[in-house]
Amino acid sequence: MPEKFDWLLVKKGELLGGDIIAMYDDKVEFDSDEVGIHKVKMKDIKELRTKDIMQLRFLDGTIIEGHIIITEDSVYVMEN
């Protein structure tokens, strides 16, 4: 996928390009020219890919950075 945008592929088959603002409480806050600012439930996302390096903070306080890919059953962080 092109790296100009963050990408969300929702289970309905729509592919949205834009900017991930935040991920929290099992939701992704996403800004897209197509839909504006929108919150999408993680359960409705088939795949998510970030264009930029982002931080993931775990419940134990651990923070890792990298490009993030989330699929229905896995989370990948591509560290630089």
C-alpha atoms as a PDB file:
ATOM      1  CA  MET A   1       0.000   0.000   0.000  1.00  0.00           C
ATOM      2  CA  PRO A   2       1.243   3.530  -0.652  1.00  0.00           C
ATOM      3  CA  GLU A   3       2.858   5.302   2.290  1.00  0.00           C
ATOM      4  CA  LYS A   4       1.284   8.722   1.741  1.00  0.00           C
ATOM      5  CA  PHE A   5      -1.502   7.895   4.208  1.00  0.00           C
ATOM      6  CA  ASP A   6      -2.325   5.697   7.157  1.00  0.00           C
ATOM      7  CA  TRP A   7      -4.691   2.982   5.933  1.00  0.00           C
ATOM      8  CA  LEU A   8      -7.748   1.307   7.416  1.00  0.00           C
ATOM      9  CA  LEU A   9      -9.360  -1.647   5.679  1.00  0.00           C
ATOM     10  CA  VAL A  10     -12.723  -2.182   7.335  1.00  0.00           C
ATOM     11  CA  LYS A  11     -14.490  -5.533   7.311  1.00  0.00           C
ATOM     12  CA  LYS A  12     -17.169  -4.155   4.965  1.00  0.00           C
ATOM     13  CA  GLY A  13     -14.409  -3.886   2.345  1.00  0.00           C
ATOM     14  CA  GLU A  14     -13.888  -0.117   2.374  1.00  0.00           C
ATOM     15  CA  LEU A  15     -10.284   1.099   2.233  1.00  0.00           C
ATOM     16  CA  LEU A  16      -9.806   4.485   3.901  1.00  0.00           C
ATOM     17  CA  GLY A  17      -6.672   6.593   3.558  1.00  0.00           C
ATOM     18  CA  GLY A  18      -5.957   9.419   5.977  1.00  0.00           C
ATOM     19  CA  ASP A  19      -4.294  10.091   9.314  1.00  0.00           C
ATOM     20  CA  ILE A  20      -4.585   8.097  12.516  1.00  0.00           C
ATOM     21  CA  ILE A  21      -5.026  10.600  15.323  1.00  0.00           C
ATOM     22  CA  ALA A  22      -5.121   8.130  18.219  1.00  0.00           C
ATOM     23  CA  MET A  23      -5.882   4.541  19.199  1.00  0.00           C
ATOM     24  CA  TYR A  24      -7.517   3.959  22.585  1.00  0.00           C
ATOM     25  CA  ASP A  25     -10.384   2.089  24.269  1.00  0.00           C
ATOM     26  CA  ASP A  26     -10.594  -0.379  21.355  1.00  0.00           C
ATOM     27  CA  LYS A  27     -11.220   2.475  18.894  1.00  0.00           C
ATOM     28  CA  VAL A  28      -9.176   4.256  16.247  1.00  0.00           C
ATOM     29  CA  GLU A  29      -9.692   7.982  15.759  1.00  0.00           C
ATOM     30  CA  PHE A  30      -9.080   8.592  12.070  1.00  0.00           C
ATOM     31  CA  ASP A  31      -9.110  11.750   9.917  1.00  0.00           C
ATOM     32  CA  SER A  32      -9.903  11.198   6.255  1.00  0.00           C
ATOM     33  CA  ASP A  33     -10.852  13.503   3.399  1.00  0.00           C
ATOM     34  CA  GLU A  34     -13.572  10.943   2.612  1.00  0.00           C
ATOM     35  CA  VAL A  35     -15.299  10.808   6.014  1.00  0.00           C
ATOM     36  CA  GLY A  36     -13.722  13.572   8.128  1.00  0.00           C
ATOM     37  CA  ILE A  37     -12.795  12.724  11.719  1.00  0.00           C
ATOM     38  CA  HIS A  38     -14.327   9.386  12.576  1.00  0.00           C
ATOM     39  CA  LYS A  39     -13.951   6.808  15.356  1.00  0.00           C
ATOM     40  CA  VAL A  40     -13.828   3.207  14.152  1.00  0.00           C
ATOM     41  CA  LYS A  41     -14.150   0.237  16.502  1.00  0.00           C
ATOM     42  CA  MET A  42     -11.160  -2.113  16.330  1.00  0.00           C
ATOM     43  CA  LYS A  43     -13.537  -5.060  15.880  1.00  0.00           C
ATOM     44  CA  ASP A  44     -14.692  -3.456  12.591  1.00  0.00           C
ATOM     45  CA  ILE A  45     -11.144  -3.158  11.191  1.00  0.00           C
ATOM     46  CA  LYS A  46      -9.688  -5.935   9.069  1.00  0.00           C
ATOM     47  CA  GLU A  47      -6.264  -4.269   8.683  1.00  0.00           C
ATOM     48  CA  LEU A  48      -4.566  -1.042   9.758  1.00  0.00           C
ATOM     49  CA  ARG A  49      -1.202   0.313   8.554  1.00  0.00           C
ATOM     50  CA  THR A  50       0.618   3.443   9.695  1.00  0.00           C
ATOM     51  CA  LYS A  51       2.717   5.608   7.391  1.00  0.00           C
ATOM     52  CA  ASP A  52       4.786   7.108  10.205  1.00  0.00           C
ATOM     53  CA  ILE A  53       6.543   5.719  13.228  1.00  0.00           C
ATOM     54  CA  MET A  54       4.123   5.616  16.149  1.00  0.00           C
ATOM     55  CA  GLN A  55       4.362   4.642  19.803  1.00  0.00           C
ATOM     56  CA  LEU A  56       2.534   1.741  21.402  1.00  0.00           C
ATOM     57  CA  ARG A  57       2.157   1.859  25.181  1.00  0.00           C
ATOM     58  CA  PHE A  58       1.297  -1.385  26.926  1.00  0.00           C
ATOM     59  CA  LEU A  59      -0.567  -1.773  30.212  1.00  0.00           C
ATOM     60  CA  ASP A  60       2.709  -2.512  32.028  1.00  0.00           C
ATOM     61  CA  GLY A  61       4.089   0.870  30.874  1.00  0.00           C
ATOM     62  CA  THR A  62       6.386  -0.531  28.179  1.00  0.00           C
ATOM     63  CA  ILE A  63       6.613   1.709  25.104  1.00  0.00           C
ATOM     64  CA  ILE A  64       7.792   0.560  21.683  1.00  0.00           C
ATOM     65  CA  GLU A  65       8.067   2.594  18.487  1.00  0.00           C
ATOM     66  CA  GLY A  66       7.788   1.682  14.844  1.00  0.00           C
ATOM     67  CA  HIS A  67       5.477   1.368  11.874  1.00  0.00           C
ATOM     68  CA  ILE A  68       2.372  -0.487  13.018  1.00  0.00           C
ATOM     69  CA  ILE A  69       0.407  -3.120  11.145  1.00  0.00           C
ATOM     70  CA  ILE A  70      -2.675  -4.557  12.826  1.00  0.00           C
ATOM     71  CA  THR A  71      -4.614  -7.444  11.319  1.00  0.00           C
ATOM     72  CA  GLU A  72      -7.640  -9.267  12.681  1.00  0.00           C
ATOM     73  CA  ASP A  73      -5.449 -11.575  14.757  1.00  0.00           C
ATOM     74  CA  SER A  74      -1.999  -9.945  15.054  1.00  0.00           C
ATOM     75  CA  VAL A  75      -0.140  -6.725  15.824  1.00  0.00           C
ATOM     76  CA  TYR A  76       3.215  -6.064  14.138  1.00  0.00           C
ATOM     77  CA  VAL A  77       5.615  -3.255  14.989  1.00  0.00           C
ATOM     78  CA  MET A  78       8.388  -2.701  12.447  1.00  0.00           C
ATOM     79  CA  GLU A  79      11.122  -1.125  14.544  1.00  0.00           C
ATOM     80  CA  ASN A  80      13.765   0.969  12.805  1.00  0.00           C
END
